Amino acid sequence: MLKRCQILLSEWQDEYIRDVALRHDLSYSETVRIFLSIGFVYVNRICHPTYKSGITGDQLLKMINTAYFGLQ
């Protein structure tokens, strides 16, 4: 279930997200969710190196490519 949240971004972050969304024909919110999902996985690995997530970076990339870009 998705929940509506307000986020504050610096100007360069907003511009970058808008550019990526436009280039890949995604909505702004979809692009933010993609960046957050990737960021959570990688930041968690840095902050808690002993934690083993149930998903690898390659699996995450494959899921994103399949869900948002239709790539197999």
PDB file of N, CA and C in Angstrom:
ATOM      1  N   MET A   1       0.839  -1.169   0.000  1.00  0.00           N
ATOM      2  CA  MET A   1       0.000   0.000   0.000  1.00  0.00           C
ATOM      3  C   MET A   1       0.891   1.240   0.000  1.00  0.00           C
ATOM      4  N   LEU A   2       0.572   2.165  -0.858  1.00  0.00           N
ATOM      5  CA  LEU A   2       1.341   3.400  -0.942  1.00  0.00           C
ATOM      6  C   LEU A   2       0.767   4.434   0.018  1.00  0.00           C
ATOM      7  N   LYS A   3       1.659   5.227   0.567  1.00  0.00           N
ATOM      8  CA  LYS A   3       1.250   6.283   1.481  1.00  0.00           C
ATOM      9  C   LYS A   3       1.779   7.615   0.944  1.00  0.00           C
ATOM     10  N   ARG A   4       0.953   8.627   0.989  1.00  0.00           N
ATOM     11  CA  ARG A   4       1.339   9.940   0.510  1.00  0.00           C
ATOM     12  C   ARG A   4       2.194  10.630   1.570  1.00  0.00           C
ATOM     13  N   CYS A   5       3.378  11.106   1.160  1.00  0.00           N
ATOM     14  CA  CYS A   5       4.299  11.785   2.072  1.00  0.00           C
ATOM     15  C   CYS A   5       4.872  13.024   1.394  1.00  0.00           C
ATOM     16  N   GLN A   6       5.211  13.977   2.201  1.00  0.00           N
ATOM     17  CA  GLN A   6       5.851  15.188   1.689  1.00  0.00           C
ATOM     18  C   GLN A   6       7.344  15.079   1.944  1.00  0.00           C
ATOM     19  N   ILE A   7       8.144  15.408   0.932  1.00  0.00           N
ATOM     20  CA  ILE A   7       9.594  15.405   1.097  1.00  0.00           C
ATOM     21  C   ILE A   7      10.141  16.761   0.687  1.00  0.00           C
ATOM     22  N   LEU A   8      11.242  17.126   1.290  1.00  0.00           N
ATOM     23  CA  LEU A   8      11.926  18.363   0.929  1.00  0.00           C
ATOM     24  C   LEU A   8      13.214  18.003   0.207  1.00  0.00           C
ATOM     25  N   LEU A   9      13.404  18.573  -0.972  1.00  0.00           N
ATOM     26  CA  LEU A   9      14.578  18.308  -1.781  1.00  0.00           C
ATOM     27  C   LEU A   9      15.282  19.615  -2.092  1.00  0.00           C
ATOM     28  N   SER A  10      16.578  19.524  -2.261  1.00  0.00           N
ATOM     29  CA  SER A  10      17.286  20.716  -2.731  1.00  0.00           C
ATOM     30  C   SER A  10      16.977  20.889  -4.218  1.00  0.00           C
ATOM     31  N   GLU A  11      17.271  22.048  -4.729  1.00  0.00           N
ATOM     32  CA  GLU A  11      16.902  22.367  -6.106  1.00  0.00           C
ATOM     33  C   GLU A  11      17.544  21.409  -7.108  1.00  0.00           C
ATOM     34  N   TRP A  12      18.826  21.085  -6.899  1.00  0.00           N
ATOM     35  CA  TRP A  12      19.502  20.198  -7.851  1.00  0.00           C
ATOM     36  C   TRP A  12      18.889  18.803  -7.843  1.00  0.00           C
ATOM     37  N   GLN A  13      18.417  18.328  -6.665  1.00  0.00           N
ATOM     38  CA  GLN A  13      17.784  17.014  -6.593  1.00  0.00           C
ATOM     39  C   GLN A  13      16.471  17.005  -7.368  1.00  0.00           C
ATOM     40  N   ASP A  14      15.684  18.055  -7.191  1.00  0.00           N
ATOM     41  CA  ASP A  14      14.414  18.176  -7.905  1.00  0.00           C
ATOM     42  C   ASP A  14      14.649  18.195  -9.412  1.00  0.00           C
ATOM     43  N   GLU A  15      15.618  18.975  -9.860  1.00  0.00           N
ATOM     44  CA  GLU A  15      15.913  19.062 -11.294  1.00  0.00           C
ATOM     45  C   GLU A  15      16.359  17.719 -11.842  1.00  0.00           C
ATOM     46  N   TYR A  16      17.191  17.022 -11.082  1.00  0.00           N
ATOM     47  CA  TYR A  16      17.688  15.721 -11.537  1.00  0.00           C
ATOM     48  C   TYR A  16      16.554  14.698 -11.626  1.00  0.00           C
ATOM     49  N   ILE A  17      15.696  14.655 -10.619  1.00  0.00           N
ATOM     50  CA  ILE A  17      14.568  13.720 -10.634  1.00  0.00           C
ATOM     51  C   ILE A  17      13.642  14.020 -11.798  1.00  0.00           C
ATOM     52  N   ARG A  18      13.357  15.275 -12.032  1.00  0.00           N
ATOM     53  CA  ARG A  18      12.495  15.656 -13.167  1.00  0.00           C
ATOM     54  C   ARG A  18      13.118  15.235 -14.494  1.00  0.00           C
ATOM     55  N   ASP A  19      14.439  15.421 -14.616  1.00  0.00           N
ATOM     56  CA  ASP A  19      15.132  15.051 -15.847  1.00  0.00           C
ATOM     57  C   ASP A  19      15.088  13.541 -16.074  1.00  0.00           C
ATOM     58  N   VAL A  20      15.368  12.762 -15.036  1.00  0.00           N
ATOM     59  CA  VAL A  20      15.333  11.302 -15.156  1.00  0.00           C
ATOM     60  C   VAL A  20      13.913  10.837 -15.488  1.00  0.00           C
ATOM     61  N   ALA A  21      12.925  11.392 -14.809  1.00  0.00           N
ATOM     62  CA  ALA A  21      11.525  11.020 -15.063  1.00  0.00           C
ATOM     63  C   ALA A  21      11.142  11.307 -16.515  1.00  0.00           C
ATOM     64  N   LEU A  22      11.553  12.447 -17.015  1.00  0.00           N
ATOM     65  CA  LEU A  22      11.235  12.820 -18.393  1.00  0.00           C
ATOM     66  C   LEU A  22      11.937  11.895 -19.390  1.00  0.00           C
ATOM     67  N   ARG A  23      13.223  11.624 -19.166  1.00  0.00           N
ATOM     68  CA  ARG A  23      13.992  10.777 -20.089  1.00  0.00           C
ATOM     69  C   ARG A  23      13.458   9.353 -20.145  1.00  0.00           C
ATOM     70  N   HIS A  24      12.918   8.850 -19.032  1.00  0.00           N
ATOM     71  CA  HIS A  24      12.453   7.467 -18.985  1.00  0.00           C
ATOM     72  C   HIS A  24      10.936   7.351 -18.997  1.00  0.00           C
ATOM     73  N   ASP A  25      10.250   8.452 -19.248  1.00  0.00           N
ATOM     74  CA  ASP A  25       8.790   8.479 -19.337  1.00  0.00           C
ATOM     75  C   ASP A  25       8.144   7.886 -18.075  1.00  0.00           C
ATOM     76  N   LEU A  26       8.611   8.367 -16.913  1.00  0.00           N
ATOM     77  CA  LEU A  26       8.069   7.951 -15.620  1.00  0.00           C
ATOM     78  C   LEU A  26       7.467   9.163 -14.930  1.00  0.00           C
ATOM     79  N   SER A  27       6.604   8.900 -13.964  1.00  0.00           N
ATOM     80  CA  SER A  27       6.093  10.010 -13.175  1.00  0.00           C
ATOM     81  C   SER A  27       7.153  10.428 -12.160  1.00  0.00           C
ATOM     82  N   TYR A  28       6.990  11.612 -11.646  1.00  0.00           N
ATOM     83  CA  TYR A  28       7.919  12.136 -10.634  1.00  0.00           C
ATOM     84  C   TYR A  28       7.934  11.220  -9.416  1.00  0.00           C
ATOM     85  N   SER A  29       6.755  10.811  -8.949  1.00  0.00           N
ATOM     86  CA  SER A  29       6.689   9.978  -7.744  1.00  0.00           C
ATOM     87  C   SER A  29       7.287   8.595  -7.978  1.00  0.00           C
ATOM     88  N   GLU A  30       7.109   8.023  -9.169  1.00  0.00           N
ATOM     89  CA  GLU A  30       7.739   6.739  -9.474  1.00  0.00           C
ATOM     90  C   GLU A  30       9.262   6.854  -9.412  1.00  0.00           C
ATOM     91  N   THR A  31       9.774   7.939  -9.942  1.00  0.00           N
ATOM     92  CA  THR A  31      11.218   8.155  -9.953  1.00  0.00           C
ATOM     93  C   THR A  31      11.751   8.322  -8.539  1.00  0.00           C
ATOM     94  N   VAL A  32      11.048   9.064  -7.710  1.00  0.00           N
ATOM     95  CA  VAL A  32      11.458   9.224  -6.308  1.00  0.00           C
ATOM     96  C   VAL A  32      11.454   7.864  -5.616  1.00  0.00           C
ATOM     97  N   ARG A  33      10.429   7.042  -5.837  1.00  0.00           N
ATOM     98  CA  ARG A  33      10.367   5.713  -5.214  1.00  0.00           C
ATOM     99  C   ARG A  33      11.527   4.833  -5.659  1.00  0.00           C
ATOM    100  N   ILE A  34      11.897   4.904  -6.934  1.00  0.00           N
ATOM    101  CA  ILE A  34      13.038   4.121  -7.424  1.00  0.00           C
ATOM    102  C   ILE A  34      14.312   4.546  -6.714  1.00  0.00           C
ATOM    103  N   PHE A  35      14.563   5.862  -6.668  1.00  0.00           N
ATOM    104  CA  PHE A  35      15.778   6.357  -6.010  1.00  0.00           C
ATOM    105  C   PHE A  35      15.798   5.997  -4.529  1.00  0.00           C
ATOM    106  N   LEU A  36      14.664   6.115  -3.863  1.00  0.00           N
ATOM    107  CA  LEU A  36      14.606   5.763  -2.445  1.00  0.00           C
ATOM    108  C   LEU A  36      14.852   4.277  -2.228  1.00  0.00           C
ATOM    109  N   SER A  37      14.260   3.444  -3.051  1.00  0.00           N
ATOM    110  CA  SER A  37      14.439   1.997  -2.906  1.00  0.00           C
ATOM    111  C   SER A  37      15.897   1.604  -3.064  1.00  0.00           C
ATOM    112  N   ILE A  38      16.533   2.117  -4.086  1.00  0.00           N
ATOM    113  CA  ILE A  38      17.952   1.820  -4.304  1.00  0.00           C
ATOM    114  C   ILE A  38      18.780   2.379  -3.152  1.00  0.00           C
ATOM    115  N   GLY A  39      18.475   3.591  -2.753  1.00  0.00           N
ATOM    116  CA  GLY A  39      19.219   4.230  -1.675  1.00  0.00           C
ATOM    117  C   GLY A  39      19.111   3.490  -0.360  1.00  0.00           C
ATOM    118  N   PHE A  40      17.911   3.003  -0.035  1.00  0.00           N
ATOM    119  CA  PHE A  40      17.727   2.249   1.218  1.00  0.00           C
ATOM    120  C   PHE A  40      18.611   1.012   1.246  1.00  0.00           C
ATOM    121  N   VAL A  41      18.647   0.287   0.144  1.00  0.00           N
ATOM    122  CA  VAL A  41      19.438  -0.946   0.095  1.00  0.00           C
ATOM    123  C   VAL A  41      20.920  -0.629   0.280  1.00  0.00           C
ATOM    124  N   TYR A  42      21.435   0.355  -0.440  1.00  0.00           N
ATOM    125  CA  TYR A  42      22.861   0.635  -0.387  1.00  0.00           C
ATOM    126  C   TYR A  42      23.288   1.344   0.894  1.00  0.00           C
ATOM    127  N   VAL A  43      22.491   2.265   1.389  1.00  0.00           N
ATOM    128  CA  VAL A  43      22.842   2.938   2.638  1.00  0.00           C
ATOM    129  C   VAL A  43      22.783   1.945   3.799  1.00  0.00           C
ATOM    130  N   ASN A  44      21.818   1.053   3.780  1.00  0.00           N
ATOM    131  CA  ASN A  44      21.718   0.044   4.826  1.00  0.00           C
ATOM    132  C   ASN A  44      22.966  -0.840   4.842  1.00  0.00           C
ATOM    133  N   ARG A  45      23.480  -1.176   3.671  1.00  0.00           N
ATOM    134  CA  ARG A  45      24.704  -1.979   3.588  1.00  0.00           C
ATOM    135  C   ARG A  45      25.896  -1.242   4.183  1.00  0.00           C
ATOM    136  N   ILE A  46      25.952   0.057   3.996  1.00  0.00           N
ATOM    137  CA  ILE A  46      27.063   0.853   4.525  1.00  0.00           C
ATOM    138  C   ILE A  46      26.933   1.023   6.035  1.00  0.00           C
ATOM    139  N   CYS A  47      25.743   1.352   6.503  1.00  0.00           N
ATOM    140  CA  CYS A  47      25.535   1.615   7.932  1.00  0.00           C
ATOM    141  C   CYS A  47      25.535   0.350   8.778  1.00  0.00           C
ATOM    142  N   HIS A  48      25.071  -0.752   8.212  1.00  0.00           N
ATOM    143  CA  HIS A  48      24.949  -2.009   8.958  1.00  0.00           C
ATOM    144  C   HIS A  48      25.539  -3.141   8.123  1.00  0.00           C
ATOM    145  N   PRO A  49      26.879  -3.217   8.034  1.00  0.00           N
ATOM    146  CA  PRO A  49      27.505  -4.224   7.164  1.00  0.00           C
ATOM    147  C   PRO A  49      27.193  -5.676   7.555  1.00  0.00           C
ATOM    148  N   THR A  50      26.811  -5.916   8.810  1.00  0.00           N
ATOM    149  CA  THR A  50      26.488  -7.284   9.216  1.00  0.00           C
ATOM    150  C   THR A  50      25.081  -7.708   8.786  1.00  0.00           C
ATOM    151  N   TYR A  51      24.236  -6.733   8.456  1.00  0.00           N
ATOM    152  CA  TYR A  51      22.872  -7.040   8.011  1.00  0.00           C
ATOM    153  C   TYR A  51      22.912  -7.591   6.595  1.00  0.00           C
ATOM    154  N   LYS A  52      22.261  -8.696   6.399  1.00  0.00           N
ATOM    155  CA  LYS A  52      22.180  -9.295   5.066  1.00  0.00           C
ATOM    156  C   LYS A  52      20.747  -9.162   4.574  1.00  0.00           C
ATOM    157  N   SER A  53      20.559  -8.322   3.576  1.00  0.00           N
ATOM    158  CA  SER A  53      19.211  -8.135   3.040  1.00  0.00           C
ATOM    159  C   SER A  53      18.825  -9.350   2.202  1.00  0.00           C
ATOM    160  N   GLY A  54      17.556  -9.510   2.018  1.00  0.00           N
ATOM    161  CA  GLY A  54      17.046 -10.629   1.234  1.00  0.00           C
ATOM    162  C   GLY A  54      17.138 -10.397  -0.257  1.00  0.00           C
ATOM    163  N   ILE A  55      17.717  -9.267  -0.651  1.00  0.00           N
ATOM    164  CA  ILE A  55      17.795  -8.924  -2.064  1.00  0.00           C
ATOM    165  C   ILE A  55      19.186  -8.371  -2.366  1.00  0.00           C
ATOM    166  N   THR A  56      19.735  -8.784  -3.482  1.00  0.00           N
ATOM    167  CA  THR A  56      21.036  -8.270  -3.902  1.00  0.00           C
ATOM    168  C   THR A  56      20.832  -7.048  -4.794  1.00  0.00           C
ATOM    169  N   GLY A  57      21.894  -6.323  -5.013  1.00  0.00           N
ATOM    170  CA  GLY A  57      21.828  -5.161  -5.900  1.00  0.00           C
ATOM    171  C   GLY A  57      21.419  -5.550  -7.312  1.00  0.00           C
ATOM    172  N   ASP A  58      21.913  -6.685  -7.784  1.00  0.00           N
ATOM    173  CA  ASP A  58      21.548  -7.154  -9.119  1.00  0.00           C
ATOM    174  C   ASP A  58      20.068  -7.512  -9.211  1.00  0.00           C
ATOM    175  N   GLN A  59      19.543  -8.130  -8.156  1.00  0.00           N
ATOM    176  CA  GLN A  59      18.114  -8.470  -8.141  1.00  0.00           C
ATOM    177  C   GLN A  59      17.264  -7.201  -8.132  1.00  0.00           C
ATOM    178  N   LEU A  60      17.681  -6.213  -7.362  1.00  0.00           N
ATOM    179  CA  LEU A  60      16.952  -4.948  -7.307  1.00  0.00           C
ATOM    180  C   LEU A  60      16.939  -4.277  -8.672  1.00  0.00           C
ATOM    181  N   LEU A  61      18.086  -4.249  -9.317  1.00  0.00           N
ATOM    182  CA  LEU A  61      18.179  -3.646 -10.646  1.00  0.00           C
ATOM    183  C   LEU A  61      17.276  -4.379 -11.637  1.00  0.00           C
ATOM    184  N   LYS A  62      17.260  -5.699 -11.571  1.00  0.00           N
ATOM    185  CA  LYS A  62      16.403  -6.479 -12.465  1.00  0.00           C
ATOM    186  C   LYS A  62      14.926  -6.167 -12.216  1.00  0.00           C
ATOM    187  N   MET A  63      14.534  -6.058 -10.940  1.00  0.00           N
ATOM    188  CA  MET A  63      13.144  -5.737 -10.603  1.00  0.00           C
ATOM    189  C   MET A  63      12.758  -4.357 -11.132  1.00  0.00           C
ATOM    190  N   ILE A  64      13.644  -3.387 -10.989  1.00  0.00           N
ATOM    191  CA  ILE A  64      13.370  -2.030 -11.472  1.00  0.00           C
ATOM    192  C   ILE A  64      13.240  -2.033 -12.986  1.00  0.00           C
ATOM    193  N   ASN A  65      14.172  -2.692 -13.663  1.00  0.00           N
ATOM    194  CA  ASN A  65      14.124  -2.743 -15.128  1.00  0.00           C
ATOM    195  C   ASN A  65      12.851  -3.418 -15.626  1.00  0.00           C
ATOM    196  N   THR A  66      12.416  -4.465 -14.946  1.00  0.00           N
ATOM    197  CA  THR A  66      11.202  -5.169 -15.346  1.00  0.00           C
ATOM    198  C   THR A  66       9.952  -4.334 -15.073  1.00  0.00           C
ATOM    199  N   ALA A  67       9.858  -3.785 -13.866  1.00  0.00           N
ATOM    200  CA  ALA A  67       8.642  -3.066 -13.464  1.00  0.00           C
ATOM    201  C   ALA A  67       8.474  -1.752 -14.193  1.00  0.00           C
ATOM    202  N   TYR A  68       9.542  -1.009 -14.368  1.00  0.00           N
ATOM    203  CA  TYR A  68       9.403   0.352 -14.873  1.00  0.00           C
ATOM    204  C   TYR A  68       9.794   0.512 -16.341  1.00  0.00           C
ATOM    205  N   PHE A  69      10.634  -0.364 -16.845  1.00  0.00           N
ATOM    206  CA  PHE A  69      11.102  -0.191 -18.218  1.00  0.00           C
ATOM    207  C   PHE A  69      10.721  -1.344 -19.142  1.00  0.00           C
ATOM    208  N   GLY A  70      10.086  -2.371 -18.580  1.00  0.00           N
ATOM    209  CA  GLY A  70       9.650  -3.494 -19.387  1.00  0.00           C
ATOM    210  C   GLY A  70      10.778  -4.345 -19.916  1.00  0.00           C
ATOM    211  N   LEU A  71      11.969  -4.243 -19.330  1.00  0.00           N
ATOM    212  CA  LEU A  71      13.122  -5.021 -19.783  1.00  0.00           C
ATOM    213  C   LEU A  71      13.168  -6.340 -19.043  1.00  0.00           C
ATOM    214  N   GLN A  72      13.666  -7.346 -19.676  1.00  0.00           N
ATOM    215  CA  GLN A  72      13.801  -8.674 -19.054  1.00  0.00           C
ATOM    216  C   GLN A  72      15.239  -8.958 -18.713  1.00  0.00           C
TER     217      GLN A  72
END
